[in-house]
Every structure is written in structure tokens, then in C-alpha cells.
N, C-alpha and C. Protein backbone atom coordinates (compact mmCIF):
# COMPACT_ATOMS: atom_id res chain seq x y z
N MET A 1 -6.31 59.94 -0.24
CA MET A 1 -7.68 59.97 -0.73
C MET A 1 -7.73 60.81 -2.00
N GLN A 2 -8.45 60.31 -2.99
CA GLN A 2 -8.56 61.02 -4.26
C GLN A 2 -9.89 61.75 -4.33
N THR A 3 -9.84 62.93 -4.92
CA THR A 3 -11.06 63.69 -5.09
C THR A 3 -11.67 63.37 -6.44
N ALA A 4 -12.90 63.80 -6.65
CA ALA A 4 -13.59 63.57 -7.92
C ALA A 4 -12.85 64.22 -9.07
N SER A 5 -12.30 65.42 -8.87
CA SER A 5 -11.60 66.10 -9.94
C SER A 5 -10.33 65.34 -10.34
N THR A 6 -9.68 64.69 -9.38
CA THR A 6 -8.49 63.90 -9.70
C THR A 6 -8.88 62.72 -10.56
N ASN A 7 -9.97 62.05 -10.24
CA ASN A 7 -10.40 60.90 -11.02
C ASN A 7 -10.74 61.31 -12.45
N ILE A 8 -11.39 62.42 -12.62
CA ILE A 8 -11.75 62.89 -13.95
C ILE A 8 -10.49 63.19 -14.75
N GLY A 9 -9.55 63.86 -14.15
CA GLY A 9 -8.31 64.20 -14.83
C GLY A 9 -7.52 62.98 -15.25
N GLU A 10 -7.60 61.92 -14.47
CA GLU A 10 -6.87 60.71 -14.81
C GLU A 10 -7.49 60.00 -16.00
N ARG A 11 -8.78 60.14 -16.19
CA ARG A 11 -9.44 59.46 -17.30
C ARG A 11 -9.29 60.23 -18.59
N MET A 12 -9.09 61.52 -18.51
CA MET A 12 -9.03 62.33 -19.72
C MET A 12 -7.66 62.21 -20.37
N GLY A 13 -7.60 62.52 -21.63
CA GLY A 13 -6.34 62.46 -22.34
C GLY A 13 -6.55 61.78 -23.68
N ARG A 14 -5.49 61.70 -24.40
CA ARG A 14 -5.56 61.09 -25.73
C ARG A 14 -5.68 59.58 -25.60
N SER A 15 -6.52 59.01 -26.44
CA SER A 15 -6.65 57.56 -26.46
C SER A 15 -5.71 57.01 -27.52
N GLN A 16 -5.73 55.71 -27.67
CA GLN A 16 -4.87 55.06 -28.66
C GLN A 16 -5.30 55.44 -30.06
N GLU A 17 -4.33 55.46 -30.98
CA GLU A 17 -4.65 55.73 -32.37
C GLU A 17 -5.35 54.52 -32.97
N LEU A 18 -6.22 54.79 -33.94
CA LEU A 18 -6.91 53.73 -34.64
C LEU A 18 -5.95 53.08 -35.62
N SER A 19 -5.97 51.76 -35.69
CA SER A 19 -5.06 51.06 -36.60
C SER A 19 -5.49 51.30 -38.06
N ASP A 20 -4.55 51.07 -38.96
CA ASP A 20 -4.84 51.23 -40.38
C ASP A 20 -5.96 50.29 -40.82
N SER A 21 -6.05 49.12 -40.19
CA SER A 21 -7.09 48.16 -40.57
C SER A 21 -8.48 48.65 -40.16
N LYS A 22 -8.56 49.57 -39.19
CA LYS A 22 -9.85 50.16 -38.82
C LYS A 22 -10.15 51.41 -39.64
N ARG A 23 -9.12 52.07 -40.15
CA ARG A 23 -9.32 53.28 -40.95
C ARG A 23 -9.92 52.95 -42.31
N GLY A 24 -9.53 51.81 -42.88
CA GLY A 24 -10.03 51.40 -44.19
C GLY A 24 -11.55 51.32 -44.25
N PRO A 25 -12.19 50.65 -43.31
CA PRO A 25 -13.65 50.59 -43.33
C PRO A 25 -14.33 51.96 -43.17
N VAL A 26 -13.68 52.88 -42.47
CA VAL A 26 -14.24 54.23 -42.35
C VAL A 26 -14.29 54.89 -43.73
N ILE A 27 -13.18 54.81 -44.47
CA ILE A 27 -13.13 55.39 -45.81
C ILE A 27 -14.08 54.66 -46.73
N GLY A 28 -14.14 53.33 -46.60
CA GLY A 28 -15.06 52.54 -47.42
C GLY A 28 -16.51 52.94 -47.18
N GLY A 29 -16.87 53.13 -45.94
CA GLY A 29 -18.22 53.58 -45.63
C GLY A 29 -18.51 54.94 -46.21
N HIS A 30 -17.53 55.82 -46.14
CA HIS A 30 -17.68 57.16 -46.69
C HIS A 30 -17.89 57.09 -48.21
N LEU A 31 -17.11 56.25 -48.87
CA LEU A 31 -17.23 56.11 -50.32
C LEU A 31 -18.56 55.48 -50.74
N CYS A 32 -19.18 54.75 -49.82
CA CYS A 32 -20.50 54.15 -50.08
C CYS A 32 -21.63 55.07 -49.63
N ASN A 33 -21.28 56.33 -49.38
CA ASN A 33 -22.25 57.35 -49.00
C ASN A 33 -22.97 57.09 -47.68
N LYS A 34 -22.29 56.40 -46.77
CA LYS A 34 -22.83 56.24 -45.42
C LYS A 34 -22.56 57.52 -44.64
N SER A 35 -23.46 57.86 -43.74
CA SER A 35 -23.26 59.06 -42.92
C SER A 35 -22.20 58.79 -41.87
N ILE A 36 -21.64 59.86 -41.35
CA ILE A 36 -20.65 59.74 -40.28
C ILE A 36 -21.28 59.03 -39.08
N ARG A 37 -22.51 59.35 -38.80
CA ARG A 37 -23.20 58.71 -37.67
C ARG A 37 -23.34 57.20 -37.90
N ASP A 38 -23.71 56.81 -39.13
CA ASP A 38 -23.85 55.38 -39.43
C ASP A 38 -22.51 54.65 -39.34
N ILE A 39 -21.46 55.25 -39.89
CA ILE A 39 -20.13 54.64 -39.84
C ILE A 39 -19.70 54.49 -38.38
N SER A 40 -19.92 55.53 -37.61
CA SER A 40 -19.56 55.51 -36.19
C SER A 40 -20.28 54.38 -35.46
N TRP A 41 -21.56 54.25 -35.72
CA TRP A 41 -22.36 53.23 -35.05
C TRP A 41 -21.94 51.83 -35.49
N LEU A 42 -21.73 51.64 -36.79
CA LEU A 42 -21.37 50.33 -37.31
C LEU A 42 -20.01 49.85 -36.79
N LEU A 43 -19.06 50.77 -36.68
CA LEU A 43 -17.70 50.41 -36.28
C LEU A 43 -17.44 50.62 -34.79
N ASN A 44 -18.42 51.19 -34.10
CA ASN A 44 -18.32 51.43 -32.66
C ASN A 44 -17.11 52.31 -32.31
N ILE A 45 -16.98 53.42 -33.06
CA ILE A 45 -15.94 54.41 -32.77
C ILE A 45 -16.59 55.79 -32.74
N PRO A 46 -16.01 56.75 -32.06
CA PRO A 46 -16.63 58.07 -31.93
C PRO A 46 -16.82 58.77 -33.29
N ARG A 47 -17.88 59.56 -33.38
CA ARG A 47 -18.15 60.33 -34.61
C ARG A 47 -17.01 61.28 -34.91
N SER A 48 -16.43 61.87 -33.88
CA SER A 48 -15.32 62.79 -34.11
C SER A 48 -14.13 62.08 -34.74
N THR A 49 -13.91 60.84 -34.37
CA THR A 49 -12.83 60.06 -34.96
C THR A 49 -13.11 59.77 -36.43
N VAL A 50 -14.35 59.37 -36.72
CA VAL A 50 -14.74 59.11 -38.10
C VAL A 50 -14.56 60.36 -38.94
N SER A 51 -15.04 61.48 -38.44
CA SER A 51 -14.93 62.74 -39.16
C SER A 51 -13.47 63.11 -39.40
N GLY A 52 -12.64 62.93 -38.39
CA GLY A 52 -11.22 63.25 -38.51
C GLY A 52 -10.52 62.39 -39.55
N ILE A 53 -10.84 61.10 -39.58
CA ILE A 53 -10.24 60.19 -40.55
C ILE A 53 -10.64 60.60 -41.96
N ILE A 54 -11.92 60.91 -42.15
CA ILE A 54 -12.40 61.30 -43.48
C ILE A 54 -11.76 62.62 -43.92
N THR A 55 -11.67 63.56 -43.00
CA THR A 55 -11.06 64.86 -43.32
C THR A 55 -9.60 64.68 -43.73
N LYS A 56 -8.83 63.91 -42.94
CA LYS A 56 -7.43 63.67 -43.27
C LYS A 56 -7.29 62.95 -44.61
N TRP A 57 -8.19 62.00 -44.86
CA TRP A 57 -8.14 61.26 -46.12
C TRP A 57 -8.41 62.20 -47.31
N LYS A 58 -9.36 63.10 -47.15
CA LYS A 58 -9.66 64.06 -48.23
C LYS A 58 -8.47 64.98 -48.48
N GLN A 59 -7.75 65.35 -47.43
CA GLN A 59 -6.61 66.26 -47.55
C GLN A 59 -5.39 65.57 -48.15
N THR A 60 -5.17 64.32 -47.77
CA THR A 60 -3.93 63.64 -48.16
C THR A 60 -4.12 62.54 -49.19
N GLY A 61 -5.32 61.99 -49.27
CA GLY A 61 -5.56 60.86 -50.17
C GLY A 61 -5.00 59.56 -49.62
N ASN A 62 -4.65 59.55 -48.34
CA ASN A 62 -4.04 58.39 -47.73
C ASN A 62 -4.70 58.16 -46.37
N ASN A 63 -5.01 56.90 -46.05
CA ASN A 63 -5.65 56.64 -44.76
C ASN A 63 -4.68 56.10 -43.72
N SER A 64 -3.39 56.07 -44.01
CA SER A 64 -2.41 55.56 -43.07
C SER A 64 -1.99 56.64 -42.10
N HIS A 65 -2.04 56.38 -40.81
CA HIS A 65 -1.63 57.38 -39.83
C HIS A 65 -0.12 57.59 -39.85
N SER A 66 0.64 56.59 -40.27
CA SER A 66 2.09 56.76 -40.31
C SER A 66 2.51 57.70 -41.42
N ALA A 67 1.76 57.71 -42.51
CA ALA A 67 2.11 58.59 -43.63
C ALA A 67 1.71 60.05 -43.33
N THR A 68 0.67 60.25 -42.53
CA THR A 68 0.21 61.60 -42.25
C THR A 68 0.70 62.12 -40.92
N LYS A 69 1.43 61.29 -40.18
CA LYS A 69 1.98 61.66 -38.87
C LYS A 69 0.90 62.20 -37.93
N TRP A 70 -0.10 61.39 -37.68
CA TRP A 70 -1.20 61.77 -36.79
C TRP A 70 -0.67 62.05 -35.46
């Protein structure tokens, strides 16, 4: 029998990385002065993910996860 805490622990953890084809629209939205909330809603991805992609892009100038070793 599993307890509630076991079920929660099983769901938590890192999710899959966003593909490069999904990162491009995030940067595009940012360059078009869309808010993080709007980009998140339009692409149906978490705000924290959008923010992280934009931050990494500003630091590296590259939106590829393979180049930045996410």
C-alpha cells in the first residue's frame, strides 16, 4: 500500500527538457515585448521555464540547450 507522501514524491522531479523548436518561440515572444506570463500562456509552458530560457539566452546569446548544457 502506498501512502500519500509516496505518491507525491513519485510525481516530483525534473521534467523533460524543452526542445530547441519550442525555445525559439519563447525568445521570439520576448523580442516582440510579450510578457513572460503571455508567452507562458500562449505556449502552454510554465512561467519559470519561460523565464529560465530568456535568462539563459541573455547570458549566452544562444537558445540551444545542447550549447549551454542545460
